[in-house]
Amino acid sequence: MPPPKRRGPQPQDAALFGAEALPVLRCAVEELSWLFSHGYADTSSLKLVGDRHQLVARQRQAVLRSACSDEAKASRECRRLPISEIRDRRLAIDGFNLIITLETLLGGGVLLKGRDGCVRDLASLNGNYRLLEDTAAVIDLVYRGLERLRPALVHWWLDEPVSNSGQIKAMLESAGAEFEFPTLVSLVPDPDKALLEAGSVAFDVIATADSGILSRCGPWVNLASYLIATVAPEAPVMALGDG
């Protein structure tokens, strides 16, 4: 089978995330968030809620990515900066996290808005990334959005072990050279760790929707949501949480 040209929906998504499924999914997110808020473990909580509502694996993944505890939601909101605060600040970007979400946007795939207000996709890297026909357009979209926001510096962080990360690095460097703000691109074994360290030492703000990073980082911005609202305000982003 040839590789996919776009990050579009799967054949069953219309039924799994259609109008009839949304009330059930929203209820599941509410219940899972309640369990998280009361200290229950992620795996057992997701199984409990998923079994209760007879959710398939892809729906469970959507519920998990949309849910968070009340404490996590409040903490993330306190540290989230308005997007305009990027101006004259040094910005660290979680590279694949942002690129894949925007590829999903352009490809018409499933996008979710969680309790914390972040937009997420349902893709999983698992060490593999393939360039798609939308990849170059996504990179251009990001840079043109950043041009309006006018950061002092942009530093992309990419997973070195992921396939084709070197090609993405070259594309980001080449495209970034056309803009006034300095651009750096780093390949590292663990970008989550690098982003957390960079955010506490060398950078003023982080752009990511990764829950693991958001639970521990300092100031951050909801860059993906801003770009989606700017270029595709009518995009069908499913709000499964109360964010």
C-alpha atoms as a PDB file:
ATOM      1  CA  MET A   1       0.000   0.000   0.000  1.00  0.00           C
ATOM      2  CA  PRO A   2       1.442   3.431  -0.916  1.00  0.00           C
ATOM      3  CA  PRO A   3       2.078   5.897   1.907  1.00  0.00           C
ATOM      4  CA  PRO A   4      -0.761   8.338   2.667  1.00  0.00           C
ATOM      5  CA  LYS A   5      -0.544  11.652   0.870  1.00  0.00           C
ATOM      6  CA  ARG A   6      -2.503  13.540   3.518  1.00  0.00           C
ATOM      7  CA  ARG A   7      -3.273  13.166   7.217  1.00  0.00           C
ATOM      8  CA  GLY A   8      -7.001  12.717   6.650  1.00  0.00           C
ATOM      9  CA  PRO A   9      -9.770  10.941   8.532  1.00  0.00           C
ATOM     10  CA  GLN A  10      -9.960   7.181   8.856  1.00  0.00           C
ATOM     11  CA  PRO A  11     -12.914   5.427   7.199  1.00  0.00           C
ATOM     12  CA  GLN A  12     -14.736   4.842  10.490  1.00  0.00           C
ATOM     13  CA  ASP A  13     -14.279   8.367  11.882  1.00  0.00           C
ATOM     14  CA  ALA A  14     -17.596   9.688  10.560  1.00  0.00           C
ATOM     15  CA  ALA A  15     -19.406   7.182  12.769  1.00  0.00           C
ATOM     16  CA  LEU A  16     -16.998   7.235  15.710  1.00  0.00           C
ATOM     17  CA  PHE A  17     -17.061  11.037  16.002  1.00  0.00           C
ATOM     18  CA  GLY A  18     -20.388  11.922  14.406  1.00  0.00           C
ATOM     19  CA  ALA A  19     -23.244  13.865  15.978  1.00  0.00           C
ATOM     20  CA  GLU A  20     -24.687  10.798  17.701  1.00  0.00           C
ATOM     21  CA  ALA A  21     -21.353   9.924  19.313  1.00  0.00           C
ATOM     22  CA  LEU A  22     -20.471  13.395  20.636  1.00  0.00           C
ATOM     23  CA  PRO A  23     -22.709  13.401  23.766  1.00  0.00           C
ATOM     24  CA  VAL A  24     -21.267  10.042  24.816  1.00  0.00           C
ATOM     25  CA  LEU A  25     -17.690  11.185  24.207  1.00  0.00           C
ATOM     26  CA  ARG A  26     -18.227  14.410  26.148  1.00  0.00           C
ATOM     27  CA  CYS A  27     -19.712  12.476  29.041  1.00  0.00           C
ATOM     28  CA  ALA A  28     -16.714  10.129  28.959  1.00  0.00           C
ATOM     29  CA  VAL A  29     -14.283  13.081  29.056  1.00  0.00           C
ATOM     30  CA  GLU A  30     -16.143  14.533  32.034  1.00  0.00           C
ATOM     31  CA  GLU A  31     -16.062  11.230  33.897  1.00  0.00           C
ATOM     32  CA  LEU A  32     -12.406  10.550  33.110  1.00  0.00           C
ATOM     33  CA  SER A  33     -11.457  14.060  34.216  1.00  0.00           C
ATOM     34  CA  TRP A  34     -13.323  13.501  37.487  1.00  0.00           C
ATOM     35  CA  LEU A  35     -11.362  10.306  38.095  1.00  0.00           C
ATOM     36  CA  PHE A  36      -8.083  12.079  37.326  1.00  0.00           C
ATOM     37  CA  SER A  37      -9.077  14.899  39.701  1.00  0.00           C
ATOM     38  CA  HIS A  38      -9.546  12.365  42.483  1.00  0.00           C
ATOM     39  CA  GLY A  39      -6.194  10.679  41.972  1.00  0.00           C
ATOM     40  CA  TYR A  40      -7.157   7.563  40.061  1.00  0.00           C
ATOM     41  CA  ALA A  41      -4.579   6.030  37.710  1.00  0.00           C
ATOM     42  CA  ASP A  42      -4.712   6.855  34.002  1.00  0.00           C
ATOM     43  CA  THR A  43      -4.837   3.320  32.601  1.00  0.00           C
ATOM     44  CA  SER A  44      -7.457   1.890  34.941  1.00  0.00           C
ATOM     45  CA  SER A  45      -9.567   5.048  34.735  1.00  0.00           C
ATOM     46  CA  LEU A  46      -9.595   5.004  30.941  1.00  0.00           C
ATOM     47  CA  LYS A  47     -10.550   1.321  30.920  1.00  0.00           C
ATOM     48  CA  LEU A  48     -13.367   1.939  33.384  1.00  0.00           C
ATOM     49  CA  VAL A  49     -14.822   4.835  31.410  1.00  0.00           C
ATOM     50  CA  GLY A  50     -14.229   3.220  28.029  1.00  0.00           C
ATOM     51  CA  ASP A  51     -15.903  -0.022  29.073  1.00  0.00           C
ATOM     52  CA  ARG A  52     -18.831   1.850  30.622  1.00  0.00           C
ATOM     53  CA  HIS A  53     -19.547   3.661  27.357  1.00  0.00           C
ATOM     54  CA  GLN A  54     -18.455   0.788  25.071  1.00  0.00           C
ATOM     55  CA  LEU A  55     -15.873   2.941  23.329  1.00  0.00           C
ATOM     56  CA  VAL A  56     -13.491   1.533  20.732  1.00  0.00           C
ATOM     57  CA  ALA A  57      -9.741   2.187  20.921  1.00  0.00           C
ATOM     58  CA  ARG A  58      -9.761   5.300  18.719  1.00  0.00           C
ATOM     59  CA  GLN A  59     -12.558   6.874  20.761  1.00  0.00           C
ATOM     60  CA  ARG A  60     -10.720   6.070  23.988  1.00  0.00           C
ATOM     61  CA  GLN A  61      -7.641   7.775  22.627  1.00  0.00           C
ATOM     62  CA  ALA A  62      -9.715  10.875  21.838  1.00  0.00           C
ATOM     63  CA  VAL A  63     -11.221  10.892  25.326  1.00  0.00           C
ATOM     64  CA  LEU A  64      -7.802  10.507  26.956  1.00  0.00           C
ATOM     65  CA  ARG A  65      -6.293  13.349  24.923  1.00  0.00           C
ATOM     66  CA  SER A  66      -9.214  15.638  25.797  1.00  0.00           C
ATOM     67  CA  ALA A  67      -9.393  14.953  29.532  1.00  0.00           C
ATOM     68  CA  CYS A  68      -7.335  16.326  32.411  1.00  0.00           C
ATOM     69  CA  SER A  69      -7.763  16.836  36.125  1.00  0.00           C
ATOM     70  CA  ASP A  70      -9.206  20.047  37.536  1.00  0.00           C
ATOM     71  CA  GLU A  71      -5.808  20.797  39.072  1.00  0.00           C
ATOM     72  CA  ALA A  72      -3.986  20.328  35.761  1.00  0.00           C
ATOM     73  CA  LYS A  73      -6.540  22.476  33.932  1.00  0.00           C
ATOM     74  CA  ALA A  74      -6.206  25.327  36.432  1.00  0.00           C
ATOM     75  CA  SER A  75      -2.412  25.092  36.473  1.00  0.00           C
ATOM     76  CA  ARG A  76      -2.138  25.181  32.689  1.00  0.00           C
ATOM     77  CA  GLU A  77      -4.508  28.140  32.477  1.00  0.00           C
ATOM     78  CA  CYS A  78      -2.430  30.080  35.017  1.00  0.00           C
ATOM     79  CA  ARG A  79       0.763  29.579  33.004  1.00  0.00           C
ATOM     80  CA  ARG A  80      -0.728  30.109  29.546  1.00  0.00           C
ATOM     81  CA  LEU A  81       0.194  33.464  28.010  1.00  0.00           C
ATOM     82  CA  PRO A  82      -1.915  35.367  25.479  1.00  0.00           C
ATOM     83  CA  ILE A  83      -0.617  34.657  21.995  1.00  0.00           C
ATOM     84  CA  SER A  84       0.363  38.319  21.604  1.00  0.00           C
ATOM     85  CA  GLU A  85       2.949  37.799  24.357  1.00  0.00           C
ATOM     86  CA  ILE A  86       5.159  35.978  21.844  1.00  0.00           C
ATOM     87  CA  ARG A  87       6.283  39.380  20.580  1.00  0.00           C
ATOM     88  CA  ASP A  88       9.957  40.026  21.408  1.00  0.00           C
ATOM     89  CA  ARG A  89      10.194  36.749  23.344  1.00  0.00           C
ATOM     90  CA  ARG A  90      12.340  33.698  22.661  1.00  0.00           C
ATOM     91  CA  LEU A  91      10.002  30.895  21.585  1.00  0.00           C
ATOM     92  CA  ALA A  92      10.692  27.147  21.852  1.00  0.00           C
ATOM     93  CA  ILE A  93       8.443  24.968  19.656  1.00  0.00           C
ATOM     94  CA  ASP A  94       7.601  21.290  20.121  1.00  0.00           C
ATOM     95  CA  GLY A  95       8.195  20.536  16.446  1.00  0.00           C
ATOM     96  CA  PHE A  96       6.380  17.336  15.531  1.00  0.00           C
ATOM     97  CA  ASN A  97       3.576  18.137  17.984  1.00  0.00           C
ATOM     98  CA  LEU A  98       2.738  21.317  16.080  1.00  0.00           C
ATOM     99  CA  ILE A  99       3.460  20.086  12.550  1.00  0.00           C
ATOM    100  CA  ILE A 100       1.331  16.937  12.802  1.00  0.00           C
ATOM    101  CA  THR A 101      -1.653  18.802  14.243  1.00  0.00           C
ATOM    102  CA  LEU A 102      -1.554  21.291  11.372  1.00  0.00           C
ATOM    103  CA  GLU A 103      -1.088  18.507   8.806  1.00  0.00           C
ATOM    104  CA  THR A 104      -4.247  16.993  10.263  1.00  0.00           C
ATOM    105  CA  LEU A 105      -6.005  20.331   9.846  1.00  0.00           C
ATOM    106  CA  LEU A 106      -5.076  20.628   6.163  1.00  0.00           C
ATOM    107  CA  GLY A 107      -5.796  16.952   5.529  1.00  0.00           C
ATOM    108  CA  GLY A 108      -9.263  17.089   7.069  1.00  0.00           C
ATOM    109  CA  GLY A 109      -8.487  14.660   9.881  1.00  0.00           C
ATOM    110  CA  VAL A 110      -9.958  14.530  13.368  1.00  0.00           C
ATOM    111  CA  LEU A 111      -9.047  17.443  15.646  1.00  0.00           C
ATOM    112  CA  LEU A 112     -10.063  17.672  19.292  1.00  0.00           C
ATOM    113  CA  LYS A 113     -10.285  20.590  21.687  1.00  0.00           C
ATOM    114  CA  GLY A 114      -9.623  19.389  25.213  1.00  0.00           C
ATOM    115  CA  ARG A 115     -10.506  20.700  28.643  1.00  0.00           C
ATOM    116  CA  ASP A 116      -7.327  22.781  28.722  1.00  0.00           C
ATOM    117  CA  GLY A 117      -8.235  24.539  25.464  1.00  0.00           C
ATOM    118  CA  CYS A 118      -5.529  22.826  23.408  1.00  0.00           C
ATOM    119  CA  VAL A 119      -6.255  21.355  19.990  1.00  0.00           C
ATOM    120  CA  ARG A 120      -4.869  17.858  19.499  1.00  0.00           C
ATOM    121  CA  ASP A 121      -4.873  15.213  16.782  1.00  0.00           C
ATOM    122  CA  LEU A 122      -5.102  11.440  17.044  1.00  0.00           C
ATOM    123  CA  ALA A 123      -1.807  10.628  15.340  1.00  0.00           C
ATOM    124  CA  SER A 124       0.922   8.584  17.004  1.00  0.00           C
ATOM    125  CA  LEU A 125       4.558   8.958  15.973  1.00  0.00           C
ATOM    126  CA  ASN A 126       5.918   5.652  17.305  1.00  0.00           C
ATOM    127  CA  GLY A 127       9.296   6.535  15.828  1.00  0.00           C
ATOM    128  CA  ASN A 128       7.962   6.997  12.302  1.00  0.00           C
ATOM    129  CA  TYR A 129       7.177  10.167  10.378  1.00  0.00           C
ATOM    130  CA  ARG A 130       6.595  10.511   6.654  1.00  0.00           C
ATOM    131  CA  LEU A 131       6.584  13.726   4.694  1.00  0.00           C
ATOM    132  CA  LEU A 132       3.138  14.456   3.288  1.00  0.00           C
ATOM    133  CA  GLU A 133       1.937  16.724   0.518  1.00  0.00           C
ATOM    134  CA  ASP A 134       0.821  19.238   3.166  1.00  0.00           C
ATOM    135  CA  THR A 135       4.100  19.351   5.113  1.00  0.00           C
ATOM    136  CA  ALA A 136       5.670  22.267   3.233  1.00  0.00           C
ATOM    137  CA  ALA A 137       2.393  24.204   3.410  1.00  0.00           C
ATOM    138  CA  VAL A 138       2.238  23.638   7.164  1.00  0.00           C
ATOM    139  CA  ILE A 139       5.759  24.964   7.663  1.00  0.00           C
ATOM    140  CA  ASP A 140       4.934  28.048   5.609  1.00  0.00           C
ATOM    141  CA  LEU A 141       1.701  28.513   7.578  1.00  0.00           C
ATOM    142  CA  VAL A 142       3.593  28.468  10.875  1.00  0.00           C
ATOM    143  CA  TYR A 143       6.276  30.904   9.773  1.00  0.00           C
ATOM    144  CA  ARG A 144       3.767  33.364   8.340  1.00  0.00           C
ATOM    145  CA  GLY A 145       1.801  33.202  11.566  1.00  0.00           C
ATOM    146  CA  LEU A 146       4.962  33.822  13.570  1.00  0.00           C
ATOM    147  CA  GLU A 147       5.852  36.716  11.282  1.00  0.00           C
ATOM    148  CA  ARG A 148       2.705  38.471  12.493  1.00  0.00           C
ATOM    149  CA  LEU A 149       3.522  37.660  16.128  1.00  0.00           C
ATOM    150  CA  ARG A 150       7.149  38.844  15.836  1.00  0.00           C
ATOM    151  CA  PRO A 151       9.117  36.666  18.276  1.00  0.00           C
ATOM    152  CA  ALA A 152      12.718  37.558  19.084  1.00  0.00           C
ATOM    153  CA  LEU A 153      13.883  34.012  18.259  1.00  0.00           C
ATOM    154  CA  VAL A 154      12.296  30.708  17.247  1.00  0.00           C
ATOM    155  CA  HIS A 155      13.884  27.398  18.238  1.00  0.00           C
ATOM    156  CA  TRP A 156      12.348  24.177  16.947  1.00  0.00           C
ATOM    157  CA  TRP A 157      12.979  20.938  18.846  1.00  0.00           C
ATOM    158  CA  LEU A 158      12.608  17.629  16.978  1.00  0.00           C
ATOM    159  CA  ASP A 159      12.879  13.956  17.965  1.00  0.00           C
ATOM    160  CA  GLU A 160      16.185  12.769  16.517  1.00  0.00           C
ATOM    161  CA  PRO A 161      15.235   9.044  16.550  1.00  0.00           C
ATOM    162  CA  VAL A 162      12.107   9.687  14.457  1.00  0.00           C
ATOM    163  CA  SER A 163      12.438   8.814  10.777  1.00  0.00           C
ATOM    164  CA  ASN A 164      12.802  11.748   8.364  1.00  0.00           C
ATOM    165  CA  SER A 165      13.526  14.183  11.207  1.00  0.00           C
ATOM    166  CA  GLY A 166      16.621  15.318   9.315  1.00  0.00           C
ATOM    167  CA  GLN A 167      14.511  16.232   6.288  1.00  0.00           C
ATOM    168  CA  ILE A 168      12.104  18.221   8.439  1.00  0.00           C
ATOM    169  CA  LYS A 169      15.060  19.995  10.040  1.00  0.00           C
ATOM    170  CA  ALA A 170      16.368  21.020   6.622  1.00  0.00           C
ATOM    171  CA  MET A 171      12.923  22.230   5.529  1.00  0.00           C
ATOM    172  CA  LEU A 172      12.469  24.292   8.697  1.00  0.00           C
ATOM    173  CA  GLU A 173      15.913  25.859   8.354  1.00  0.00           C
ATOM    174  CA  SER A 174      15.427  26.674   4.681  1.00  0.00           C
ATOM    175  CA  ALA A 175      11.976  28.196   5.171  1.00  0.00           C
ATOM    176  CA  GLY A 176      13.015  30.059   8.308  1.00  0.00           C
ATOM    177  CA  ALA A 177      15.866  31.790   6.500  1.00  0.00           C
ATOM    178  CA  GLU A 178      13.302  33.867   4.601  1.00  0.00           C
ATOM    179  CA  PHE A 179      12.039  35.611   7.743  1.00  0.00           C
ATOM    180  CA  GLU A 180      13.552  38.345   9.888  1.00  0.00           C
ATOM    181  CA  PHE A 181      13.490  36.538  13.221  1.00  0.00           C
ATOM    182  CA  PRO A 182      16.374  34.096  13.867  1.00  0.00           C
ATOM    183  CA  THR A 183      15.487  30.413  13.572  1.00  0.00           C
ATOM    184  CA  LEU A 184      17.248  27.433  15.120  1.00  0.00           C
ATOM    185  CA  VAL A 185      16.376  23.742  14.711  1.00  0.00           C
ATOM    186  CA  SER A 186      17.701  21.056  17.058  1.00  0.00           C
ATOM    187  CA  LEU A 187      17.504  17.269  16.786  1.00  0.00           C
ATOM    188  CA  VAL A 188      17.605  15.726  20.256  1.00  0.00           C
ATOM    189  CA  PRO A 189      16.943  12.249  21.676  1.00  0.00           C
ATOM    190  CA  ASP A 190      14.281  13.555  24.085  1.00  0.00           C
ATOM    191  CA  PRO A 191      12.628  16.827  23.032  1.00  0.00           C
ATOM    192  CA  ASP A 192      10.286  16.792  26.039  1.00  0.00           C
ATOM    193  CA  LYS A 193      13.247  16.997  28.399  1.00  0.00           C
ATOM    194  CA  ALA A 194      14.985  19.542  26.178  1.00  0.00           C
ATOM    195  CA  LEU A 195      11.881  21.748  26.019  1.00  0.00           C
ATOM    196  CA  LEU A 196      11.456  21.701  29.779  1.00  0.00           C
ATOM    197  CA  GLU A 197      15.110  22.567  30.309  1.00  0.00           C
ATOM    198  CA  ALA A 198      15.037  25.237  27.600  1.00  0.00           C
ATOM    199  CA  GLY A 199      11.903  26.769  29.035  1.00  0.00           C
ATOM    200  CA  SER A 200      13.488  27.138  32.438  1.00  0.00           C
ATOM    201  CA  VAL A 201      16.842  28.484  31.252  1.00  0.00           C
ATOM    202  CA  ALA A 202      17.126  29.877  27.743  1.00  0.00           C
ATOM    203  CA  PHE A 203      13.614  30.589  26.490  1.00  0.00           C
ATOM    204  CA  ASP A 204      10.747  32.804  27.551  1.00  0.00           C
ATOM    205  CA  VAL A 205       7.830  30.703  26.340  1.00  0.00           C
ATOM    206  CA  ILE A 206       7.055  27.227  24.948  1.00  0.00           C
ATOM    207  CA  ALA A 207       4.586  26.253  22.212  1.00  0.00           C
ATOM    208  CA  THR A 208       3.164  22.751  22.675  1.00  0.00           C
ATOM    209  CA  ALA A 209      -0.051  20.840  23.283  1.00  0.00           C
ATOM    210  CA  ASP A 210       1.733  17.863  24.856  1.00  0.00           C
ATOM    211  CA  SER A 211       0.063  17.160  28.195  1.00  0.00           C
ATOM    212  CA  GLY A 212       3.233  15.781  29.741  1.00  0.00           C
ATOM    213  CA  ILE A 213       5.117  18.990  28.985  1.00  0.00           C
ATOM    214  CA  LEU A 214       2.221  21.288  29.891  1.00  0.00           C
ATOM    215  CA  SER A 215       1.974  19.740  33.341  1.00  0.00           C
ATOM    216  CA  ARG A 216       5.575  20.713  34.139  1.00  0.00           C
ATOM    217  CA  CYS A 217       6.620  23.673  31.995  1.00  0.00           C
ATOM    218  CA  GLY A 218       6.665  27.387  32.706  1.00  0.00           C
ATOM    219  CA  PRO A 219       4.938  29.971  30.492  1.00  0.00           C
ATOM    220  CA  TRP A 220       3.442  28.533  27.307  1.00  0.00           C
ATOM    221  CA  VAL A 221       1.279  29.596  24.385  1.00  0.00           C
ATOM    222  CA  ASN A 222      -1.509  27.811  22.545  1.00  0.00           C
ATOM    223  CA  LEU A 223       0.083  28.309  19.122  1.00  0.00           C
ATOM    224  CA  ALA A 224      -1.716  25.528  17.242  1.00  0.00           C
ATOM    225  CA  SER A 225      -5.132  26.805  18.310  1.00  0.00           C
ATOM    226  CA  TYR A 226      -4.203  30.336  17.259  1.00  0.00           C
ATOM    227  CA  LEU A 227      -3.003  29.239  13.827  1.00  0.00           C
ATOM    228  CA  ILE A 228      -6.082  27.097  13.242  1.00  0.00           C
ATOM    229  CA  ALA A 229      -8.393  29.950  14.230  1.00  0.00           C
ATOM    230  CA  THR A 230      -6.466  32.290  11.939  1.00  0.00           C
ATOM    231  CA  VAL A 231      -6.260  30.218   8.759  1.00  0.00           C
ATOM    232  CA  ALA A 232      -9.318  27.958   9.123  1.00  0.00           C
ATOM    233  CA  PRO A 233     -11.820  29.463  11.591  1.00  0.00           C
ATOM    234  CA  GLU A 234     -14.563  27.148  10.294  1.00  0.00           C
ATOM    235  CA  ALA A 235     -12.493  23.978  10.767  1.00  0.00           C
ATOM    236  CA  PRO A 236     -14.523  21.208  12.459  1.00  0.00           C
ATOM    237  CA  VAL A 237     -12.629  21.014  15.749  1.00  0.00           C
ATOM    238  CA  MET A 238     -14.561  18.821  18.185  1.00  0.00           C
ATOM    239  CA  ALA A 239     -14.854  20.294  21.671  1.00  0.00           C
ATOM    240  CA  LEU A 240     -15.026  17.253  23.920  1.00  0.00           C
ATOM    241  CA  GLY A 241     -14.089  19.087  27.115  1.00  0.00           C
ATOM    242  CA  ASP A 242     -15.218  22.255  28.851  1.00  0.00           C
ATOM    243  CA  GLY A 243     -12.093  24.253  27.887  1.00  0.00           C
END
